[in-house]
Amino acid sequence: MQTQPAPIQVQHLFEPLDDSLMELLYALTPADWEKSTVARLWKVKDVAAHLLDGNIRTLSLQKDRYFGETPPAINTYNELVDWLNKLNADWVAAAKRMSPAVLILLHEATRKETSAYYKSLNLYDKAVFAVSWAGEEESLNWLHIAREYTEKWLHQQQIRDAVHKPGIMTSTFFYPFMDTCMYALPYTYKNIDAATGTTIELHIEGDGGGSWLLTKTGSGWLLSKEYERNVTARISLPAAIAWKLFSKSMRPADITNSIHVTGDETLALHALNMISVMA
C-alpha cells in the first residue's frame, strides 16, 4: 500500500547552500552581474537582490512577526500571485541603487541568522504561511521550510545558469528541491479523473533526480516514492530541464523533444503543467 512520503528534512542545508551562494557572488565579475537570467526581466544582480529580500522578509515577518504592510483583500490564487509579484518588483526596483558590494555586505549580515531561524522551527507546528502552490490553505512548518529552501536553491541556480558556474545540481542540494516541488503534483492532477489505482510515474534524470509516483485513490491523488512495477503512465525528463519547467521559466511546448513517455500519454503529459512556485 502506498503512503504519503515522510516530511522533507532541509533545515541543515540552508547554511551550506548559502555558503555556496556567497562563494559564487564573490567570484562574479562586473559583467556577470549584468547578465540576463531565465527569471524573465531579472539580471543576475536583480536575482541576488531578490534573495536578499527573502532573508529580510524571513527575519522581519516570520521571526519578528513584524508585518509592516497590510495586504489588499485577496480572494483568489491569482490575486495572491499578483500581490507577491508586486512586492518582489518593488524591492528589485529599490535595489537598483545598491552596488554588488553592498548586496554582498547585506547578505553576509542576514544569512546566518536566517539559517538559524529555520533550524529553530518545530517541523510539526503550524506554518506562518501556507504552501499555496501545493493546494494547501494551512501548512506545517516542514513543508513551509522546504518551500523556503526551494526559493533559495532556485534563485541561486538561476544565477549559476546565467554565468555558467555549476555547483548545486547535486544529490545533496538538487534532490531536496525536486522532492519538494513534487508536492504540487497532486494539486496539478486534482481535476483529472481516472480509475482508482491509476498510477503515474514522474522520473527526473541525472544526479539528484529520482522517481515519484502519483496514485488515484478513493479520496483523490496520492503522492508516493515507493517502487511500483506496473504504472499506467510514465514520463521522464532531464534534471537540467525539470528545474526550469516546474518554476515556469520553460513551458511544456518548449521541451517536446526532451521527454520520454510510456503508457497513457495524455495522463503522463499533464505532469508537465506542474508549477511549484507562486507564478
C-alpha atoms as a PDB file:
ATOM      1  CA  MET A   1       0.000   0.000   0.000  1.00  0.00           C
ATOM      2  CA  GLN A   2       1.359   3.435  -0.922  1.00  0.00           C
ATOM      3  CA  THR A   3       1.660   6.110   1.718  1.00  0.00           C
ATOM      4  CA  GLN A   4       2.427   9.820   1.793  1.00  0.00           C
ATOM      5  CA  PRO A   5       6.203  10.495   1.775  1.00  0.00           C
ATOM      6  CA  ALA A   6       7.863  11.345   5.081  1.00  0.00           C
ATOM      7  CA  PRO A   7       8.394  15.044   5.863  1.00  0.00           C
ATOM      8  CA  ILE A   8      11.270  16.611   3.947  1.00  0.00           C
ATOM      9  CA  GLN A   9      14.301  17.491   6.087  1.00  0.00           C
ATOM     10  CA  VAL A  10      16.206  20.532   4.829  1.00  0.00           C
ATOM     11  CA  GLN A  11      16.943  22.625   7.921  1.00  0.00           C
ATOM     12  CA  HIS A  12      20.594  21.545   7.857  1.00  0.00           C
ATOM     13  CA  LEU A  13      21.007  22.607   4.208  1.00  0.00           C
ATOM     14  CA  PHE A  14      20.373  26.351   4.430  1.00  0.00           C
ATOM     15  CA  GLU A  15      23.819  27.211   5.759  1.00  0.00           C
ATOM     16  CA  PRO A  16      25.884  25.196   3.232  1.00  0.00           C
ATOM     17  CA  LEU A  17      23.619  26.371   0.411  1.00  0.00           C
ATOM     18  CA  ASP A  18      24.241  29.969   1.455  1.00  0.00           C
ATOM     19  CA  ASP A  19      27.969  29.272   1.703  1.00  0.00           C
ATOM     20  CA  SER A  20      27.836  28.230  -1.944  1.00  0.00           C
ATOM     21  CA  LEU A  21      25.910  31.388  -2.798  1.00  0.00           C
ATOM     22  CA  MET A  22      28.451  33.669  -1.152  1.00  0.00           C
ATOM     23  CA  GLU A  23      31.347  31.910  -2.848  1.00  0.00           C
ATOM     24  CA  LEU A  24      29.513  32.452  -6.138  1.00  0.00           C
ATOM     25  CA  LEU A  25      28.711  36.125  -5.530  1.00  0.00           C
ATOM     26  CA  TYR A  26      32.277  36.971  -4.504  1.00  0.00           C
ATOM     27  CA  ALA A  27      33.536  35.385  -7.742  1.00  0.00           C
ATOM     28  CA  LEU A  28      31.237  37.336 -10.097  1.00  0.00           C
ATOM     29  CA  THR A  29      32.825  39.847 -12.468  1.00  0.00           C
ATOM     30  CA  PRO A  30      31.231  43.250 -13.149  1.00  0.00           C
ATOM     31  CA  ALA A  31      29.966  41.827 -16.453  1.00  0.00           C
ATOM     32  CA  ASP A  32      28.477  38.780 -14.692  1.00  0.00           C
ATOM     33  CA  TRP A  33      26.249  40.949 -12.503  1.00  0.00           C
ATOM     34  CA  GLU A  34      24.599  42.376 -15.621  1.00  0.00           C
ATOM     35  CA  LYS A  35      23.907  39.072 -17.379  1.00  0.00           C
ATOM     36  CA  SER A  36      20.311  38.073 -18.108  1.00  0.00           C
ATOM     37  CA  THR A  37      18.729  35.100 -16.340  1.00  0.00           C
ATOM     38  CA  VAL A  38      15.821  32.781 -17.034  1.00  0.00           C
ATOM     39  CA  ALA A  39      13.858  34.818 -14.463  1.00  0.00           C
ATOM     40  CA  ARG A  40      12.345  36.884 -17.245  1.00  0.00           C
ATOM     41  CA  LEU A  41      13.295  40.552 -16.839  1.00  0.00           C
ATOM     42  CA  TRP A  42      15.753  39.996 -13.976  1.00  0.00           C
ATOM     43  CA  LYS A  43      19.501  40.173 -14.394  1.00  0.00           C
ATOM     44  CA  VAL A  44      21.949  38.410 -12.071  1.00  0.00           C
ATOM     45  CA  LYS A  45      22.088  41.431  -9.755  1.00  0.00           C
ATOM     46  CA  ASP A  46      18.271  41.521  -9.545  1.00  0.00           C
ATOM     47  CA  VAL A  47      18.113  37.836  -8.569  1.00  0.00           C
ATOM     48  CA  ALA A  48      20.780  38.387  -5.898  1.00  0.00           C
ATOM     49  CA  ALA A  49      18.711  41.314  -4.594  1.00  0.00           C
ATOM     50  CA  HIS A  50      15.596  39.120  -4.501  1.00  0.00           C
ATOM     51  CA  LEU A  51      17.470  36.511  -2.467  1.00  0.00           C
ATOM     52  CA  LEU A  52      18.439  39.240  -0.005  1.00  0.00           C
ATOM     53  CA  ASP A  53      14.786  40.294   0.188  1.00  0.00           C
ATOM     54  CA  GLY A  54      13.962  36.717   1.148  1.00  0.00           C
ATOM     55  CA  ASN A  55      16.341  36.912   4.122  1.00  0.00           C
ATOM     56  CA  ILE A  56      14.985  40.267   5.251  1.00  0.00           C
ATOM     57  CA  ARG A  57      11.360  39.215   4.928  1.00  0.00           C
ATOM     58  CA  THR A  58      12.035  35.954   6.775  1.00  0.00           C
ATOM     59  CA  LEU A  59      13.622  37.742   9.720  1.00  0.00           C
ATOM     60  CA  SER A  60      11.051  40.554   9.789  1.00  0.00           C
ATOM     61  CA  LEU A  61       7.777  38.803   9.026  1.00  0.00           C
ATOM     62  CA  GLN A  62       8.423  35.295  10.272  1.00  0.00           C
ATOM     63  CA  LYS A  63      10.957  35.645  13.088  1.00  0.00           C
ATOM     64  CA  ASP A  64       9.946  39.069  14.426  1.00  0.00           C
ATOM     65  CA  ARG A  65       6.279  38.851  13.360  1.00  0.00           C
ATOM     66  CA  TYR A  66       6.529  42.405  12.049  1.00  0.00           C
ATOM     67  CA  PHE A  67       4.044  42.931   9.220  1.00  0.00           C
ATOM     68  CA  GLY A  68       4.806  46.429   8.028  1.00  0.00           C
ATOM     69  CA  GLU A  69       2.473  46.284   5.056  1.00  0.00           C
ATOM     70  CA  THR A  70      -1.209  45.449   5.078  1.00  0.00           C
ATOM     71  CA  PRO A  71      -2.033  43.287   2.070  1.00  0.00           C
ATOM     72  CA  PRO A  72      -5.047  44.156  -0.051  1.00  0.00           C
ATOM     73  CA  ALA A  73      -8.141  41.998   0.002  1.00  0.00           C
ATOM     74  CA  ILE A  74      -7.076  38.731  -1.636  1.00  0.00           C
ATOM     75  CA  ASN A  75      -9.803  36.324  -2.693  1.00  0.00           C
ATOM     76  CA  THR A  76      -8.167  34.198  -5.381  1.00  0.00           C
ATOM     77  CA  TYR A  77      -4.889  32.446  -6.088  1.00  0.00           C
ATOM     78  CA  ASN A  78      -4.173  34.810  -8.986  1.00  0.00           C
ATOM     79  CA  GLU A  79      -4.704  37.852  -6.764  1.00  0.00           C
ATOM     80  CA  LEU A  80      -2.184  36.425  -4.300  1.00  0.00           C
ATOM     81  CA  VAL A  81       0.339  35.856  -7.109  1.00  0.00           C
ATOM     82  CA  ASP A  82      -0.186  39.404  -8.397  1.00  0.00           C
ATOM     83  CA  TRP A  83       0.415  40.876  -4.954  1.00  0.00           C
ATOM     84  CA  LEU A  84       3.567  38.834  -4.384  1.00  0.00           C
ATOM     85  CA  ASN A  85       4.864  39.834  -7.824  1.00  0.00           C
ATOM     86  CA  LYS A  86       4.330  43.483  -6.921  1.00  0.00           C
ATOM     87  CA  LEU A  87       6.212  43.081  -3.631  1.00  0.00           C
ATOM     88  CA  ASN A  88       9.077  41.397  -5.449  1.00  0.00           C
ATOM     89  CA  ALA A  89       9.196  44.021  -8.197  1.00  0.00           C
ATOM     90  CA  ASP A  90       9.130  46.901  -5.691  1.00  0.00           C
ATOM     91  CA  TRP A  91      12.159  45.512  -3.861  1.00  0.00           C
ATOM     92  CA  VAL A  92      14.147  44.758  -7.008  1.00  0.00           C
ATOM     93  CA  ALA A  93      13.473  48.285  -8.270  1.00  0.00           C
ATOM     94  CA  ALA A  94      14.702  49.811  -4.997  1.00  0.00           C
ATOM     95  CA  ALA A  95      17.778  47.561  -5.021  1.00  0.00           C
ATOM     96  CA  LYS A  96      18.870  49.035  -8.352  1.00  0.00           C
ATOM     97  CA  ARG A  97      20.507  51.706  -6.149  1.00  0.00           C
ATOM     98  CA  MET A  98      22.662  49.133  -4.371  1.00  0.00           C
ATOM     99  CA  SER A  99      26.085  48.152  -5.635  1.00  0.00           C
ATOM    100  CA  PRO A 100      27.074  44.478  -5.853  1.00  0.00           C
ATOM    101  CA  ALA A 101      29.416  45.065  -2.899  1.00  0.00           C
ATOM    102  CA  VAL A 102      26.555  46.398  -0.769  1.00  0.00           C
ATOM    103  CA  LEU A 103      24.340  43.445  -1.738  1.00  0.00           C
ATOM    104  CA  ILE A 104      27.087  41.079  -0.629  1.00  0.00           C
ATOM    105  CA  LEU A 105      27.515  43.014   2.625  1.00  0.00           C
ATOM    106  CA  LEU A 106      23.802  42.724   3.396  1.00  0.00           C
ATOM    107  CA  HIS A 107      23.744  39.031   2.514  1.00  0.00           C
ATOM    108  CA  GLU A 108      26.585  38.473   4.987  1.00  0.00           C
ATOM    109  CA  ALA A 109      24.667  40.438   7.622  1.00  0.00           C
ATOM    110  CA  THR A 110      21.464  38.388   7.302  1.00  0.00           C
ATOM    111  CA  ARG A 111      22.251  34.913   6.062  1.00  0.00           C
ATOM    112  CA  LYS A 112      23.393  33.183   9.260  1.00  0.00           C
ATOM    113  CA  GLU A 113      20.511  34.492  11.334  1.00  0.00           C
ATOM    114  CA  THR A 114      18.083  33.410   8.615  1.00  0.00           C
ATOM    115  CA  SER A 115      19.509  29.882   8.547  1.00  0.00           C
ATOM    116  CA  ALA A 116      19.444  29.719  12.345  1.00  0.00           C
ATOM    117  CA  TYR A 117      15.800  30.770  12.362  1.00  0.00           C
ATOM    118  CA  TYR A 118      14.785  27.969  10.007  1.00  0.00           C
ATOM    119  CA  LYS A 119      16.763  25.489  12.091  1.00  0.00           C
ATOM    120  CA  SER A 120      14.943  26.624  15.239  1.00  0.00           C
ATOM    121  CA  LEU A 121      11.447  25.812  13.972  1.00  0.00           C
ATOM    122  CA  ASN A 122       9.455  22.785  15.083  1.00  0.00           C
ATOM    123  CA  LEU A 123       8.670  20.845  11.908  1.00  0.00           C
ATOM    124  CA  TYR A 124       5.158  19.956  13.056  1.00  0.00           C
ATOM    125  CA  ASP A 125       3.966  23.373  14.205  1.00  0.00           C
ATOM    126  CA  LYS A 126       1.588  25.347  12.002  1.00  0.00           C
ATOM    127  CA  ALA A 127       3.465  27.451   9.457  1.00  0.00           C
ATOM    128  CA  VAL A 128       3.068  31.208   9.280  1.00  0.00           C
ATOM    129  CA  PHE A 129       2.303  30.919   5.545  1.00  0.00           C
ATOM    130  CA  ALA A 130       0.579  28.086   3.696  1.00  0.00           C
ATOM    131  CA  VAL A 131       2.204  26.448   0.679  1.00  0.00           C
ATOM    132  CA  SER A 132      -0.428  27.604  -1.780  1.00  0.00           C
ATOM    133  CA  TRP A 133       1.141  26.106  -4.892  1.00  0.00           C
ATOM    134  CA  ALA A 134       0.632  22.685  -3.288  1.00  0.00           C
ATOM    135  CA  GLY A 135      -3.062  23.481  -2.863  1.00  0.00           C
ATOM    136  CA  GLU A 136      -2.802  23.924   0.902  1.00  0.00           C
ATOM    137  CA  GLU A 137      -4.693  26.548   2.876  1.00  0.00           C
ATOM    138  CA  GLU A 138      -2.751  25.656   6.025  1.00  0.00           C
ATOM    139  CA  SER A 139       0.673  24.008   6.174  1.00  0.00           C
ATOM    140  CA  LEU A 140       3.010  22.540   8.737  1.00  0.00           C
ATOM    141  CA  ASN A 141       6.467  24.014   9.152  1.00  0.00           C
ATOM    142  CA  TRP A 142       8.256  21.111   7.473  1.00  0.00           C
ATOM    143  CA  LEU A 143       6.655  21.899   4.103  1.00  0.00           C
ATOM    144  CA  HIS A 144       6.927  25.651   4.615  1.00  0.00           C
ATOM    145  CA  ILE A 145      10.657  25.317   5.376  1.00  0.00           C
ATOM    146  CA  ALA A 146      11.115  23.056   2.363  1.00  0.00           C
ATOM    147  CA  ARG A 147       9.311  25.650   0.227  1.00  0.00           C
ATOM    148  CA  GLU A 148      11.682  28.341   1.520  1.00  0.00           C
ATOM    149  CA  TYR A 149      14.593  26.063   0.622  1.00  0.00           C
ATOM    150  CA  THR A 150      13.320  25.725  -2.943  1.00  0.00           C
ATOM    151  CA  GLU A 151      13.290  29.515  -3.260  1.00  0.00           C
ATOM    152  CA  LYS A 152      16.913  29.768  -2.183  1.00  0.00           C
ATOM    153  CA  TRP A 153      18.022  26.877  -4.376  1.00  0.00           C
ATOM    154  CA  LEU A 154      16.103  28.077  -7.422  1.00  0.00           C
ATOM    155  CA  HIS A 155      17.366  31.643  -7.433  1.00  0.00           C
ATOM    156  CA  GLN A 156      20.958  30.618  -6.815  1.00  0.00           C
ATOM    157  CA  GLN A 157      20.656  28.158  -9.691  1.00  0.00           C
ATOM    158  CA  GLN A 158      19.283  30.926 -11.925  1.00  0.00           C
ATOM    159  CA  ILE A 159      22.450  32.919 -11.249  1.00  0.00           C
ATOM    160  CA  ARG A 160      24.683  29.894 -11.834  1.00  0.00           C
ATOM    161  CA  ASP A 161      22.869  29.125 -15.075  1.00  0.00           C
ATOM    162  CA  ALA A 162      23.365  32.689 -16.309  1.00  0.00           C
ATOM    163  CA  VAL A 163      27.099  32.816 -15.587  1.00  0.00           C
ATOM    164  CA  HIS A 164      27.830  29.159 -16.424  1.00  0.00           C
ATOM    165  CA  LYS A 165      29.073  28.242 -12.955  1.00  0.00           C
ATOM    166  CA  PRO A 166      27.661  24.843 -11.925  1.00  0.00           C
ATOM    167  CA  GLY A 167      27.764  23.636  -8.350  1.00  0.00           C
ATOM    168  CA  ILE A 168      24.369  22.824  -6.832  1.00  0.00           C
ATOM    169  CA  MET A 169      22.887  20.380  -9.356  1.00  0.00           C
ATOM    170  CA  THR A 170      23.849  17.592  -6.981  1.00  0.00           C
ATOM    171  CA  SER A 171      22.052  14.944  -4.955  1.00  0.00           C
ATOM    172  CA  THR A 172      22.785  16.927  -1.788  1.00  0.00           C
ATOM    173  CA  PHE A 173      21.145  20.141  -2.960  1.00  0.00           C
ATOM    174  CA  PHE A 174      19.035  19.356  -6.035  1.00  0.00           C
ATOM    175  CA  TYR A 175      17.165  16.284  -4.810  1.00  0.00           C
ATOM    176  CA  PRO A 176      15.523  18.128  -1.862  1.00  0.00           C
ATOM    177  CA  PHE A 177      14.498  20.888  -4.285  1.00  0.00           C
ATOM    178  CA  MET A 178      12.885  18.401  -6.644  1.00  0.00           C
ATOM    179  CA  ASP A 179      11.374  16.378  -3.809  1.00  0.00           C
ATOM    180  CA  THR A 180       9.638  19.492  -2.513  1.00  0.00           C
ATOM    181  CA  CYS A 181       8.429  20.552  -5.949  1.00  0.00           C
ATOM    182  CA  MET A 182       6.604  17.233  -6.267  1.00  0.00           C
ATOM    183  CA  TYR A 183       4.144  18.262  -3.574  1.00  0.00           C
ATOM    184  CA  ALA A 184       2.448  20.290  -6.311  1.00  0.00           C
ATOM    185  CA  LEU A 185       1.764  17.108  -8.304  1.00  0.00           C
ATOM    186  CA  PRO A 186      -1.489  16.015  -6.578  1.00  0.00           C
ATOM    187  CA  TYR A 187      -2.769  19.596  -6.894  1.00  0.00           C
ATOM    188  CA  THR A 188      -1.852  19.590 -10.593  1.00  0.00           C
ATOM    189  CA  TYR A 189      -3.994  16.475 -11.133  1.00  0.00           C
ATOM    190  CA  LYS A 190      -6.855  17.455  -8.835  1.00  0.00           C
ATOM    191  CA  ASN A 191      -9.342  17.830 -11.718  1.00  0.00           C
ATOM    192  CA  ILE A 192      -8.100  14.829 -13.716  1.00  0.00           C
ATOM    193  CA  ASP A 193     -10.434  11.862 -13.472  1.00  0.00           C
ATOM    194  CA  ALA A 194      -9.069   8.327 -13.564  1.00  0.00           C
ATOM    195  CA  ALA A 195      -9.893   4.872 -12.259  1.00  0.00           C
ATOM    196  CA  THR A 196      -8.880   4.064  -8.700  1.00  0.00           C
ATOM    197  CA  GLY A 197      -5.401   2.534  -8.747  1.00  0.00           C
ATOM    198  CA  THR A 198      -4.231   4.503 -11.762  1.00  0.00           C
ATOM    199  CA  THR A 199      -0.544   5.277 -11.181  1.00  0.00           C
ATOM    200  CA  ILE A 200       1.643   7.859 -12.905  1.00  0.00           C
ATOM    201  CA  GLU A 201       5.420   7.898 -12.546  1.00  0.00           C
ATOM    202  CA  LEU A 202       7.387  11.120 -12.986  1.00  0.00           C
ATOM    203  CA  HIS A 203      11.108  10.467 -13.372  1.00  0.00           C
ATOM    204  CA  ILE A 204      13.825  13.128 -13.288  1.00  0.00           C
ATOM    205  CA  GLU A 205      17.022  12.008 -14.986  1.00  0.00           C
ATOM    206  CA  GLY A 206      20.523  12.787 -13.752  1.00  0.00           C
ATOM    207  CA  ASP A 207      22.387  13.424 -10.497  1.00  0.00           C
ATOM    208  CA  GLY A 208      19.924  14.410  -7.798  1.00  0.00           C
ATOM    209  CA  GLY A 209      16.944  13.147  -9.752  1.00  0.00           C
ATOM    210  CA  GLY A 210      14.622  10.297  -8.865  1.00  0.00           C
ATOM    211  CA  SER A 211      11.147   8.888  -9.376  1.00  0.00           C
ATOM    212  CA  TRP A 212       7.858   9.955  -7.826  1.00  0.00           C
ATOM    213  CA  LEU A 213       4.509   8.193  -8.102  1.00  0.00           C
ATOM    214  CA  LEU A 214       1.009   9.621  -8.151  1.00  0.00           C
ATOM    215  CA  THR A 215      -1.811   7.169  -7.485  1.00  0.00           C
ATOM    216  CA  LYS A 216      -5.556   7.707  -7.759  1.00  0.00           C
ATOM    217  CA  THR A 217      -7.338   6.673  -4.575  1.00  0.00           C
ATOM    218  CA  GLY A 218     -10.919   6.931  -3.439  1.00  0.00           C
ATOM    219  CA  SER A 219     -10.197  10.318  -1.866  1.00  0.00           C
ATOM    220  CA  GLY A 220      -8.014  11.843  -4.581  1.00  0.00           C
ATOM    221  CA  TRP A 221      -4.439  11.641  -5.864  1.00  0.00           C
ATOM    222  CA  LEU A 222      -1.728  10.408  -3.506  1.00  0.00           C
ATOM    223  CA  LEU A 223       1.992  11.204  -3.850  1.00  0.00           C
ATOM    224  CA  SER A 224       4.456   8.405  -3.110  1.00  0.00           C
ATOM    225  CA  LYS A 225       8.053   7.362  -3.699  1.00  0.00           C
ATOM    226  CA  GLU A 226       7.536   3.613  -3.347  1.00  0.00           C
ATOM    227  CA  TYR A 227       8.560   1.394  -6.248  1.00  0.00           C
ATOM    228  CA  GLU A 228       5.704   0.261  -8.480  1.00  0.00           C
ATOM    229  CA  ARG A 229       6.307  -2.226 -11.306  1.00  0.00           C
ATOM    230  CA  ASN A 230       3.018  -1.671 -13.132  1.00  0.00           C
ATOM    231  CA  VAL A 231       2.368   2.004 -13.777  1.00  0.00           C
ATOM    232  CA  THR A 232      -0.349   3.377 -16.026  1.00  0.00           C
ATOM    233  CA  ALA A 233       1.862   6.100 -17.444  1.00  0.00           C
ATOM    234  CA  ARG A 234       5.476   7.171 -17.113  1.00  0.00           C
ATOM    235  CA  ILE A 235       7.173  10.396 -18.106  1.00  0.00           C
ATOM    236  CA  SER A 236      10.886  11.157 -17.868  1.00  0.00           C
ATOM    237  CA  LEU A 237      12.797  14.393 -18.387  1.00  0.00           C
ATOM    238  CA  PRO A 238      16.339  15.677 -17.703  1.00  0.00           C
ATOM    239  CA  ALA A 239      17.158  17.471 -14.463  1.00  0.00           C
ATOM    240  CA  ALA A 240      18.531  20.451 -16.413  1.00  0.00           C
ATOM    241  CA  ILE A 241      15.065  20.996 -17.879  1.00  0.00           C
ATOM    242  CA  ALA A 242      12.961  19.995 -14.855  1.00  0.00           C
ATOM    243  CA  TRP A 243      14.027  22.869 -12.602  1.00  0.00           C
ATOM    244  CA  LYS A 244      13.232  25.422 -15.306  1.00  0.00           C
ATOM    245  CA  LEU A 245       9.939  23.806 -16.291  1.00  0.00           C
ATOM    246  CA  PHE A 246       8.487  23.497 -12.804  1.00  0.00           C
ATOM    247  CA  SER A 247       9.490  27.078 -11.938  1.00  0.00           C
ATOM    248  CA  LYS A 248       7.749  28.327 -15.120  1.00  0.00           C
ATOM    249  CA  SER A 249      10.924  29.506 -16.848  1.00  0.00           C
ATOM    250  CA  MET A 250      10.111  26.981 -19.571  1.00  0.00           C
ATOM    251  CA  ARG A 251       6.743  25.651 -20.675  1.00  0.00           C
ATOM    252  CA  PRO A 252       5.725  22.193 -21.948  1.00  0.00           C
ATOM    253  CA  ALA A 253       5.759  23.292 -25.587  1.00  0.00           C
ATOM    254  CA  ASP A 254       9.457  24.145 -25.223  1.00  0.00           C
ATOM    255  CA  ILE A 255      10.588  20.645 -24.288  1.00  0.00           C
ATOM    256  CA  THR A 256       8.723  18.221 -26.545  1.00  0.00           C
ATOM    257  CA  ASN A 257      11.978  16.767 -27.870  1.00  0.00           C
ATOM    258  CA  SER A 258      13.459  16.203 -24.405  1.00  0.00           C
ATOM    259  CA  ILE A 259      10.851  13.980 -22.757  1.00  0.00           C
ATOM    260  CA  HIS A 260      10.160  10.256 -22.867  1.00  0.00           C
ATOM    261  CA  VAL A 261       6.650   8.889 -22.332  1.00  0.00           C
ATOM    262  CA  THR A 262       5.322   5.349 -21.986  1.00  0.00           C
ATOM    263  CA  GLY A 263       1.768   4.224 -21.318  1.00  0.00           C
ATOM    264  CA  ASP A 264      -1.153   6.650 -21.257  1.00  0.00           C
ATOM    265  CA  GLU A 265       0.326   9.698 -22.975  1.00  0.00           C
ATOM    266  CA  THR A 266      -2.440  12.135 -22.010  1.00  0.00           C
ATOM    267  CA  LEU A 267      -2.131  11.287 -18.317  1.00  0.00           C
ATOM    268  CA  ALA A 268       1.662  11.445 -18.412  1.00  0.00           C
ATOM    269  CA  LEU A 269       1.951  14.745 -20.263  1.00  0.00           C
ATOM    270  CA  HIS A 270      -0.311  16.515 -17.775  1.00  0.00           C
ATOM    271  CA  ALA A 271       2.562  16.324 -15.256  1.00  0.00           C
ATOM    272  CA  LEU A 272       4.410  18.916 -17.327  1.00  0.00           C
ATOM    273  CA  ASN A 273       1.838  21.514 -16.230  1.00  0.00           C
ATOM    274  CA  MET A 274       3.035  21.339 -12.626  1.00  0.00           C
ATOM    275  CA  ILE A 275       4.202  24.705 -11.260  1.00  0.00           C
ATOM    276  CA  SER A 276       5.974  24.624  -7.893  1.00  0.00           C
ATOM    277  CA  VAL A 277       6.352  28.354  -7.365  1.00  0.00           C
ATOM    278  CA  MET A 278       3.893  31.199  -6.896  1.00  0.00           C
ATOM    279  CA  ALA A 279       3.589  32.181 -10.545  1.00  0.00           C
END
